[in-house]
C-alpha cells in the first residue's frame, strides 16, 4: 500500500492503495465517484473514460501510480450543474437509453470537442469509434456532438 495525493475534479484527494490499483477502482471504491463505469476491464469499450489533463483516457487500465500531479476529471467534475455543452446536447437529443456507457461517451466527446471544436461527421465517427454503446445510439451520439459543437 502507498499514499497517493491526487487532483480529482479540482480537489486534492488522498488515497492509500496498492500502486497497481487502476484509477477506475480508486475513483469508485475509494473516492465514491461512481459515475465512471466498469465495462470490459481491458480498455476497449470506453465506459471508464476520464480526462487526464484534458485527454480522454481509459481508467480501467491506468494504475494510480502513474498519475503523479496530473489533473483528473471524471463525469462528476465535467460540470457542477450538468450544463456542459455535451451534457446539454445529450439531453436535447435524448441520447441515453440504458445509460451505462454514457459517462464514457460524454467524457470522450468533451475531450474530442476541446481539441476539435468544429468536427466533420467523419471526424466524429473516428473519434468516437472506440466507445461502445450496446443500445446502438450512435446516430443520436453523433447528432449530439454536432449540436454541442455549436453551443
N, C-alpha and C. Protein backbone atom coordinates (compact mmCIF):
# COMPACT_ATOMS: atom_id res chain seq x y z
N UNK A 1 0.85 -1.18 0.00
CA UNK A 1 0.00 0.00 0.00
C UNK A 1 0.89 1.24 0.00
N UNK A 2 0.35 2.29 -0.59
CA UNK A 2 1.07 3.56 -0.65
C UNK A 2 0.06 4.69 -0.63
N UNK A 3 0.49 5.84 -0.20
CA UNK A 3 -0.38 7.01 -0.16
C UNK A 3 -0.15 7.83 -1.42
N UNK A 4 -1.27 8.17 -2.08
CA UNK A 4 -1.22 8.98 -3.28
C UNK A 4 -2.06 10.23 -3.07
N UNK A 5 -1.49 11.38 -3.42
CA UNK A 5 -2.20 12.65 -3.40
C UNK A 5 -2.61 12.95 -4.82
N UNK A 6 -3.91 13.00 -5.05
CA UNK A 6 -4.45 13.13 -6.39
C UNK A 6 -5.28 14.40 -6.54
N UNK A 7 -5.22 14.99 -7.73
CA UNK A 7 -6.06 16.13 -8.06
C UNK A 7 -7.24 15.60 -8.86
N UNK A 8 -8.37 15.44 -8.20
CA UNK A 8 -9.57 14.87 -8.81
C UNK A 8 -10.65 15.94 -8.84
N UNK A 9 -11.09 16.30 -10.02
CA UNK A 9 -12.15 17.29 -10.20
C UNK A 9 -11.85 18.60 -9.47
N UNK A 10 -10.57 18.98 -9.50
CA UNK A 10 -10.15 20.24 -8.91
C UNK A 10 -9.94 20.22 -7.41
N UNK A 11 -10.05 19.05 -6.81
CA UNK A 11 -9.86 18.93 -5.36
C UNK A 11 -8.73 17.95 -5.08
N UNK A 12 -7.97 18.23 -4.05
CA UNK A 12 -6.92 17.30 -3.62
C UNK A 12 -7.56 16.16 -2.85
N UNK A 13 -7.23 14.95 -3.23
CA UNK A 13 -7.74 13.75 -2.58
C UNK A 13 -6.55 12.87 -2.21
N UNK A 14 -6.64 12.19 -1.10
CA UNK A 14 -5.57 11.29 -0.69
C UNK A 14 -6.15 9.88 -0.55
N UNK A 15 -5.44 8.92 -1.13
CA UNK A 15 -5.85 7.53 -1.02
C UNK A 15 -4.65 6.68 -0.63
N UNK A 16 -4.92 5.62 0.10
CA UNK A 16 -3.89 4.66 0.50
C UNK A 16 -4.26 3.34 -0.16
N UNK A 17 -3.62 3.05 -1.31
CA UNK A 17 -3.96 1.88 -2.11
C UNK A 17 -2.70 1.25 -2.67
N UNK A 18 -2.85 0.05 -3.18
CA UNK A 18 -1.77 -0.62 -3.90
C UNK A 18 -1.43 0.23 -5.13
N UNK A 19 -0.16 0.47 -5.42
CA UNK A 19 0.23 1.30 -6.56
C UNK A 19 -0.29 0.81 -7.91
N UNK A 20 -0.62 -0.46 -8.02
CA UNK A 20 -1.12 -1.01 -9.27
C UNK A 20 -2.64 -0.91 -9.41
N UNK A 21 -3.31 -0.37 -8.41
CA UNK A 21 -4.76 -0.26 -8.47
C UNK A 21 -5.16 0.64 -9.64
N UNK A 22 -6.03 0.16 -10.52
CA UNK A 22 -6.50 1.01 -11.61
C UNK A 22 -7.29 2.22 -11.09
N UNK A 23 -7.14 3.33 -11.76
CA UNK A 23 -7.86 4.55 -11.36
C UNK A 23 -9.36 4.33 -11.28
N UNK A 24 -9.90 3.49 -12.13
CA UNK A 24 -11.34 3.20 -12.08
C UNK A 24 -11.75 2.79 -10.67
N UNK A 25 -10.98 1.90 -10.07
CA UNK A 25 -11.34 1.39 -8.74
C UNK A 25 -10.99 2.38 -7.64
N UNK A 26 -9.97 3.18 -7.84
CA UNK A 26 -9.68 4.26 -6.89
C UNK A 26 -10.88 5.21 -6.85
N UNK A 27 -11.35 5.60 -8.03
CA UNK A 27 -12.48 6.53 -8.12
C UNK A 27 -13.74 5.93 -7.49
N UNK A 28 -14.08 4.73 -7.91
CA UNK A 28 -15.34 4.12 -7.48
C UNK A 28 -15.31 3.62 -6.04
N UNK A 29 -14.27 2.89 -5.68
CA UNK A 29 -14.25 2.22 -4.39
C UNK A 29 -13.67 3.04 -3.25
N UNK A 30 -12.77 3.96 -3.57
CA UNK A 30 -12.09 4.72 -2.51
C UNK A 30 -12.55 6.17 -2.42
N UNK A 31 -13.04 6.73 -3.52
CA UNK A 31 -13.47 8.13 -3.51
C UNK A 31 -14.97 8.30 -3.73
N UNK A 32 -15.67 7.19 -3.88
CA UNK A 32 -17.13 7.18 -4.06
C UNK A 32 -17.59 8.03 -5.25
N UNK A 33 -16.78 8.06 -6.30
CA UNK A 33 -17.14 8.73 -7.55
C UNK A 33 -17.55 7.63 -8.53
N UNK A 34 -18.83 7.31 -8.52
CA UNK A 34 -19.29 6.12 -9.23
C UNK A 34 -19.88 6.40 -10.60
N UNK A 35 -19.71 7.60 -11.11
CA UNK A 35 -20.17 7.91 -12.46
C UNK A 35 -19.33 7.22 -13.52
N UNK A 36 -18.06 7.01 -13.24
CA UNK A 36 -17.18 6.29 -14.16
C UNK A 36 -17.50 4.81 -14.03
N UNK A 37 -17.82 4.18 -15.15
CA UNK A 37 -18.32 2.80 -15.12
C UNK A 37 -17.27 1.77 -15.52
N UNK A 38 -17.44 0.57 -14.99
CA UNK A 38 -16.66 -0.58 -15.41
C UNK A 38 -17.40 -1.22 -16.59
N UNK A 39 -16.69 -1.42 -17.67
CA UNK A 39 -17.30 -2.07 -18.83
C UNK A 39 -16.63 -3.39 -19.13
N UNK A 40 -15.44 -3.30 -19.70
CA UNK A 40 -14.75 -4.52 -20.15
C UNK A 40 -13.52 -4.86 -19.32
N UNK A 41 -12.91 -3.87 -18.70
CA UNK A 41 -11.71 -4.10 -17.91
C UNK A 41 -10.42 -4.19 -18.70
N UNK A 42 -10.51 -4.05 -20.03
CA UNK A 42 -9.31 -4.14 -20.88
C UNK A 42 -9.16 -2.91 -21.77
N UNK A 43 -9.78 -1.81 -21.40
CA UNK A 43 -9.64 -0.52 -22.10
C UNK A 43 -10.11 -0.57 -23.55
N UNK A 44 -11.15 -1.37 -23.82
CA UNK A 44 -11.63 -1.49 -25.18
C UNK A 44 -13.03 -0.91 -25.41
N UNK A 45 -13.80 -0.68 -24.36
CA UNK A 45 -15.20 -0.26 -24.57
C UNK A 45 -15.45 1.22 -24.32
N UNK A 46 -14.63 1.86 -23.50
CA UNK A 46 -14.77 3.30 -23.25
C UNK A 46 -15.67 3.69 -22.10
N UNK A 47 -16.33 2.75 -21.45
CA UNK A 47 -17.23 3.11 -20.34
C UNK A 47 -16.49 3.79 -19.19
N UNK A 48 -15.21 3.50 -19.06
CA UNK A 48 -14.42 4.01 -17.93
C UNK A 48 -13.64 5.28 -18.26
N UNK A 49 -14.00 5.96 -19.34
CA UNK A 49 -13.23 7.12 -19.79
C UNK A 49 -13.30 8.28 -18.81
N UNK A 50 -12.13 8.79 -18.49
CA UNK A 50 -11.95 10.00 -17.68
C UNK A 50 -11.03 10.93 -18.46
N UNK A 51 -10.78 12.12 -17.95
CA UNK A 51 -9.79 13.02 -18.54
C UNK A 51 -8.56 13.05 -17.66
N UNK A 52 -7.41 12.93 -18.28
CA UNK A 52 -6.14 13.15 -17.61
C UNK A 52 -5.53 14.36 -18.31
N UNK A 53 -5.49 15.48 -17.59
CA UNK A 53 -5.05 16.75 -18.19
C UNK A 53 -5.82 17.06 -19.46
N UNK A 54 -7.11 16.78 -19.45
CA UNK A 54 -7.98 17.10 -20.58
C UNK A 54 -8.00 16.07 -21.69
N UNK A 55 -7.24 15.01 -21.57
CA UNK A 55 -7.18 13.98 -22.61
C UNK A 55 -8.00 12.78 -22.17
N UNK A 56 -8.90 12.32 -23.05
CA UNK A 56 -9.72 11.16 -22.74
C UNK A 56 -8.83 9.94 -22.55
N UNK A 57 -9.01 9.27 -21.40
CA UNK A 57 -8.15 8.16 -21.01
C UNK A 57 -9.00 7.07 -20.38
N UNK A 58 -8.71 5.84 -20.70
CA UNK A 58 -9.43 4.70 -20.12
C UNK A 58 -8.86 4.43 -18.72
N UNK A 59 -9.70 4.50 -17.74
CA UNK A 59 -9.23 4.40 -16.35
C UNK A 59 -9.10 2.96 -15.85
N UNK A 60 -9.66 1.99 -16.55
CA UNK A 60 -9.63 0.61 -16.05
C UNK A 60 -8.24 -0.01 -16.14
N UNK A 61 -7.37 0.54 -16.97
CA UNK A 61 -6.03 0.01 -17.13
C UNK A 61 -4.96 1.04 -16.73
N UNK A 62 -5.37 2.11 -16.08
CA UNK A 62 -4.48 3.19 -15.70
C UNK A 62 -4.13 3.08 -14.22
N UNK A 63 -2.91 2.62 -13.90
CA UNK A 63 -2.57 2.47 -12.48
C UNK A 63 -2.46 3.82 -11.77
N UNK A 64 -2.93 3.86 -10.55
CA UNK A 64 -2.88 5.09 -9.76
C UNK A 64 -1.46 5.61 -9.65
N UNK A 65 -0.47 4.72 -9.65
CA UNK A 65 0.93 5.14 -9.51
C UNK A 65 1.43 5.95 -10.69
N UNK A 66 0.71 5.92 -11.81
CA UNK A 66 1.14 6.67 -13.00
C UNK A 66 0.56 8.09 -13.05
N UNK A 67 -0.27 8.45 -12.10
CA UNK A 67 -0.99 9.73 -12.15
C UNK A 67 -0.10 10.91 -11.76
N UNK A 68 0.66 10.79 -10.71
CA UNK A 68 1.51 11.89 -10.28
C UNK A 68 0.71 13.15 -10.03
N UNK A 69 1.14 14.27 -10.61
CA UNK A 69 0.48 15.57 -10.43
C UNK A 69 -0.54 15.87 -11.51
N UNK A 70 -0.85 14.92 -12.35
CA UNK A 70 -1.81 15.15 -13.43
C UNK A 70 -3.19 15.44 -12.88
N UNK A 71 -3.94 16.23 -13.62
CA UNK A 71 -5.31 16.58 -13.21
C UNK A 71 -6.29 15.58 -13.80
N UNK A 72 -7.08 14.98 -12.92
CA UNK A 72 -8.08 14.00 -13.30
C UNK A 72 -9.45 14.66 -13.26
N UNK A 73 -10.23 14.45 -14.32
CA UNK A 73 -11.61 14.91 -14.34
C UNK A 73 -12.49 13.71 -14.63
N UNK A 74 -13.51 13.54 -13.81
CA UNK A 74 -14.50 12.47 -14.02
C UNK A 74 -15.78 13.12 -14.51
N UNK A 75 -16.77 12.30 -14.82
CA UNK A 75 -18.06 12.83 -15.25
C UNK A 75 -18.65 13.76 -14.19
N UNK A 76 -18.39 13.46 -12.92
CA UNK A 76 -18.90 14.32 -11.85
C UNK A 76 -18.25 15.70 -11.87
N UNK A 77 -17.04 15.79 -12.38
CA UNK A 77 -16.32 17.05 -12.40
C UNK A 77 -16.38 17.79 -13.72
N UNK A 78 -17.04 17.21 -14.71
CA UNK A 78 -17.14 17.88 -16.02
C UNK A 78 -17.89 19.19 -15.89
N UNK A 79 -18.94 19.19 -15.08
CA UNK A 79 -19.73 20.39 -14.83
C UNK A 79 -20.45 20.22 -13.50
N UNK A 80 -20.36 21.21 -12.66
CA UNK A 80 -21.01 21.13 -11.35
C UNK A 80 -22.53 21.03 -11.46
N UNK A 81 -23.08 21.64 -12.50
CA UNK A 81 -24.54 21.68 -12.64
C UNK A 81 -25.07 20.88 -13.82
N UNK A 82 -24.21 20.13 -14.48
CA UNK A 82 -24.65 19.34 -15.63
C UNK A 82 -24.92 20.16 -16.86
N UNK A 83 -24.32 21.35 -16.93
CA UNK A 83 -24.60 22.24 -18.07
C UNK A 83 -23.46 22.32 -19.08
N UNK A 84 -22.55 21.36 -19.06
CA UNK A 84 -21.52 21.31 -20.10
C UNK A 84 -22.24 21.16 -21.44
N UNK A 85 -21.75 21.80 -22.50
CA UNK A 85 -22.43 21.70 -23.80
C UNK A 85 -22.71 20.27 -24.27
N UNK A 86 -21.80 19.35 -23.99
CA UNK A 86 -22.05 17.96 -24.40
C UNK A 86 -23.20 17.37 -23.58
N UNK A 87 -23.24 17.65 -22.30
CA UNK A 87 -24.34 17.15 -21.47
C UNK A 87 -25.67 17.75 -21.91
N UNK A 88 -25.67 19.04 -22.23
CA UNK A 88 -26.90 19.68 -22.72
C UNK A 88 -27.36 19.04 -24.02
N UNK A 89 -26.43 18.81 -24.94
CA UNK A 89 -26.77 18.21 -26.23
C UNK A 89 -27.26 16.77 -26.05
N UNK A 90 -26.68 16.05 -25.10
CA UNK A 90 -27.11 14.67 -24.84
C UNK A 90 -28.59 14.66 -24.46
N UNK A 91 -28.97 15.60 -23.61
CA UNK A 91 -30.38 15.68 -23.20
C UNK A 91 -31.26 16.11 -24.36
N UNK A 92 -30.81 17.09 -25.10
CA UNK A 92 -31.59 17.60 -26.23
C UNK A 92 -31.89 16.50 -27.25
N UNK A 93 -30.93 15.62 -27.47
CA UNK A 93 -31.10 14.56 -28.47
C UNK A 93 -31.54 13.24 -27.86
N UNK A 94 -31.84 13.25 -26.56
CA UNK A 94 -32.32 12.06 -25.87
C UNK A 94 -31.44 10.85 -26.19
N UNK A 95 -30.12 11.04 -26.01
CA UNK A 95 -29.14 10.02 -26.41
C UNK A 95 -29.26 8.76 -25.57
N UNK A 96 -29.33 8.90 -24.28
CA UNK A 96 -29.24 7.72 -23.40
C UNK A 96 -30.45 6.82 -23.51
N UNK A 97 -30.17 5.53 -23.55
CA UNK A 97 -31.22 4.53 -23.39
C UNK A 97 -30.97 3.85 -22.05
N UNK A 98 -30.12 2.84 -22.01
CA UNK A 98 -29.84 2.23 -20.71
C UNK A 98 -28.94 3.15 -19.90
N UNK A 99 -28.11 3.95 -20.57
CA UNK A 99 -27.29 4.95 -19.91
C UNK A 99 -25.94 4.47 -19.43
N UNK A 100 -25.68 3.17 -19.49
CA UNK A 100 -24.47 2.65 -18.88
C UNK A 100 -23.20 3.23 -19.48
N UNK A 101 -23.14 3.37 -20.79
CA UNK A 101 -21.93 3.85 -21.46
C UNK A 101 -21.85 5.37 -21.51
N UNK A 102 -22.88 6.05 -21.12
CA UNK A 102 -23.00 7.48 -21.40
C UNK A 102 -21.93 8.35 -20.75
N UNK A 103 -21.52 8.05 -19.55
CA UNK A 103 -20.47 8.86 -18.92
C UNK A 103 -19.20 8.79 -19.76
N UNK A 104 -18.83 7.60 -20.19
CA UNK A 104 -17.65 7.44 -21.02
C UNK A 104 -17.80 8.10 -22.38
N UNK A 105 -18.99 7.99 -22.95
CA UNK A 105 -19.26 8.64 -24.24
C UNK A 105 -19.13 10.16 -24.10
N UNK A 106 -19.73 10.71 -23.06
CA UNK A 106 -19.71 12.15 -22.83
C UNK A 106 -18.28 12.63 -22.58
N UNK A 107 -17.54 11.91 -21.77
CA UNK A 107 -16.16 12.31 -21.47
C UNK A 107 -15.30 12.27 -22.73
N UNK A 108 -15.46 11.25 -23.55
CA UNK A 108 -14.70 11.17 -24.80
C UNK A 108 -15.10 12.30 -25.73
N UNK A 109 -16.40 12.55 -25.86
CA UNK A 109 -16.88 13.62 -26.74
C UNK A 109 -16.39 14.99 -26.27
N UNK A 110 -16.41 15.24 -24.97
CA UNK A 110 -15.97 16.54 -24.44
C UNK A 110 -14.49 16.78 -24.72
N UNK A 111 -13.66 15.75 -24.53
CA UNK A 111 -12.23 15.90 -24.82
C UNK A 111 -12.01 16.10 -26.32
N UNK A 112 -12.75 15.36 -27.13
CA UNK A 112 -12.64 15.49 -28.58
C UNK A 112 -13.01 16.91 -29.03
N UNK A 113 -14.12 17.43 -28.55
CA UNK A 113 -14.55 18.77 -28.95
C UNK A 113 -13.61 19.85 -28.44
N UNK A 114 -12.96 19.62 -27.34
CA UNK A 114 -11.99 20.60 -26.83
C UNK A 114 -10.82 20.75 -27.80
N UNK A 115 -10.47 19.66 -28.47
CA UNK A 115 -9.36 19.71 -29.42
C UNK A 115 -9.81 19.93 -30.86
N UNK A 116 -11.09 19.71 -31.15
CA UNK A 116 -11.63 19.88 -32.50
C UNK A 116 -13.04 20.45 -32.37
N UNK A 117 -13.17 21.76 -32.21
CA UNK A 117 -14.47 22.36 -31.91
C UNK A 117 -15.47 22.38 -33.08
N UNK A 118 -15.02 22.12 -34.30
CA UNK A 118 -15.92 22.12 -35.45
C UNK A 118 -15.69 20.86 -36.30
N UNK A 119 -16.00 19.70 -35.76
CA UNK A 119 -15.67 18.46 -36.46
C UNK A 119 -16.64 18.10 -37.58
N UNK A 120 -16.14 17.35 -38.53
CA UNK A 120 -16.98 16.77 -39.58
C UNK A 120 -17.61 15.49 -39.04
N UNK A 121 -18.58 14.96 -39.75
CA UNK A 121 -19.20 13.70 -39.36
C UNK A 121 -18.15 12.59 -39.30
N UNK A 122 -17.27 12.57 -40.27
CA UNK A 122 -16.24 11.53 -40.32
C UNK A 122 -15.29 11.63 -39.12
N UNK A 123 -14.94 12.86 -38.74
CA UNK A 123 -14.06 13.05 -37.58
C UNK A 123 -14.75 12.60 -36.29
N UNK A 124 -16.03 12.89 -36.18
CA UNK A 124 -16.79 12.44 -35.00
C UNK A 124 -16.82 10.91 -34.95
N UNK A 125 -17.14 10.29 -36.07
CA UNK A 125 -17.20 8.83 -36.11
C UNK A 125 -15.85 8.21 -35.74
N UNK A 126 -14.78 8.79 -36.26
CA UNK A 126 -13.45 8.28 -35.96
C UNK A 126 -13.11 8.45 -34.48
N UNK A 127 -13.39 9.63 -33.94
CA UNK A 127 -13.05 9.92 -32.54
C UNK A 127 -13.86 9.06 -31.57
N UNK A 128 -15.09 8.75 -31.93
CA UNK A 128 -15.97 8.02 -31.02
C UNK A 128 -15.99 6.52 -31.29
N UNK A 129 -15.25 6.06 -32.27
CA UNK A 129 -15.33 4.65 -32.67
C UNK A 129 -14.90 3.68 -31.57
N UNK A 130 -14.11 4.12 -30.62
CA UNK A 130 -13.67 3.23 -29.55
C UNK A 130 -14.62 3.14 -28.38
N UNK A 131 -15.69 3.91 -28.41
CA UNK A 131 -16.67 3.87 -27.32
C UNK A 131 -17.88 3.06 -27.78
N UNK A 132 -18.13 1.98 -27.08
CA UNK A 132 -19.20 1.08 -27.46
C UNK A 132 -20.49 1.44 -26.73
N UNK A 133 -21.58 1.45 -27.50
CA UNK A 133 -22.92 1.65 -26.95
C UNK A 133 -23.72 0.40 -27.28
N UNK A 134 -24.02 -0.37 -26.27
CA UNK A 134 -24.76 -1.62 -26.51
C UNK A 134 -26.17 -1.37 -27.01
N UNK A 135 -26.71 -0.21 -26.73
CA UNK A 135 -28.06 0.12 -27.20
C UNK A 135 -28.06 0.65 -28.63
N UNK A 136 -26.89 0.97 -29.15
CA UNK A 136 -26.79 1.41 -30.54
C UNK A 136 -27.26 2.82 -30.80
N UNK A 137 -27.03 3.74 -29.88
CA UNK A 137 -27.50 5.12 -30.08
C UNK A 137 -26.48 5.98 -30.84
N UNK A 138 -25.71 5.37 -31.70
CA UNK A 138 -24.62 6.07 -32.39
C UNK A 138 -25.10 7.26 -33.22
N UNK A 139 -26.25 7.16 -33.86
CA UNK A 139 -26.75 8.28 -34.66
C UNK A 139 -27.05 9.47 -33.76
N UNK A 140 -27.70 9.21 -32.62
CA UNK A 140 -28.01 10.30 -31.69
C UNK A 140 -26.75 10.86 -31.05
N UNK A 141 -25.76 10.00 -30.79
CA UNK A 141 -24.49 10.47 -30.23
C UNK A 141 -23.85 11.45 -31.21
N UNK A 142 -23.80 11.08 -32.48
CA UNK A 142 -23.19 11.97 -33.48
C UNK A 142 -23.97 13.28 -33.59
N UNK A 143 -25.29 13.21 -33.59
CA UNK A 143 -26.10 14.43 -33.64
C UNK A 143 -25.85 15.31 -32.42
N UNK A 144 -25.73 14.72 -31.26
CA UNK A 144 -25.48 15.48 -30.03
C UNK A 144 -24.12 16.15 -30.08
N UNK A 145 -23.13 15.47 -30.59
CA UNK A 145 -21.79 16.07 -30.69
C UNK A 145 -21.81 17.22 -31.67
N UNK A 146 -22.52 17.08 -32.78
CA UNK A 146 -22.65 18.19 -33.73
C UNK A 146 -23.33 19.39 -33.06
N UNK A 147 -24.37 19.13 -32.31
CA UNK A 147 -25.06 20.21 -31.59
C UNK A 147 -24.14 20.85 -30.56
N UNK A 148 -23.44 20.03 -29.78
CA UNK A 148 -22.54 20.55 -28.75
C UNK A 148 -21.45 21.42 -29.36
N UNK A 149 -21.05 21.13 -30.58
CA UNK A 149 -20.00 21.92 -31.23
C UNK A 149 -20.48 23.33 -31.58
N UNK A 150 -21.78 23.55 -31.53
CA UNK A 150 -22.33 24.88 -31.84
C UNK A 150 -22.72 25.65 -30.59
N UNK A 151 -22.66 24.99 -29.42
CA UNK A 151 -23.05 25.67 -28.17
C UNK A 151 -21.91 26.45 -27.56
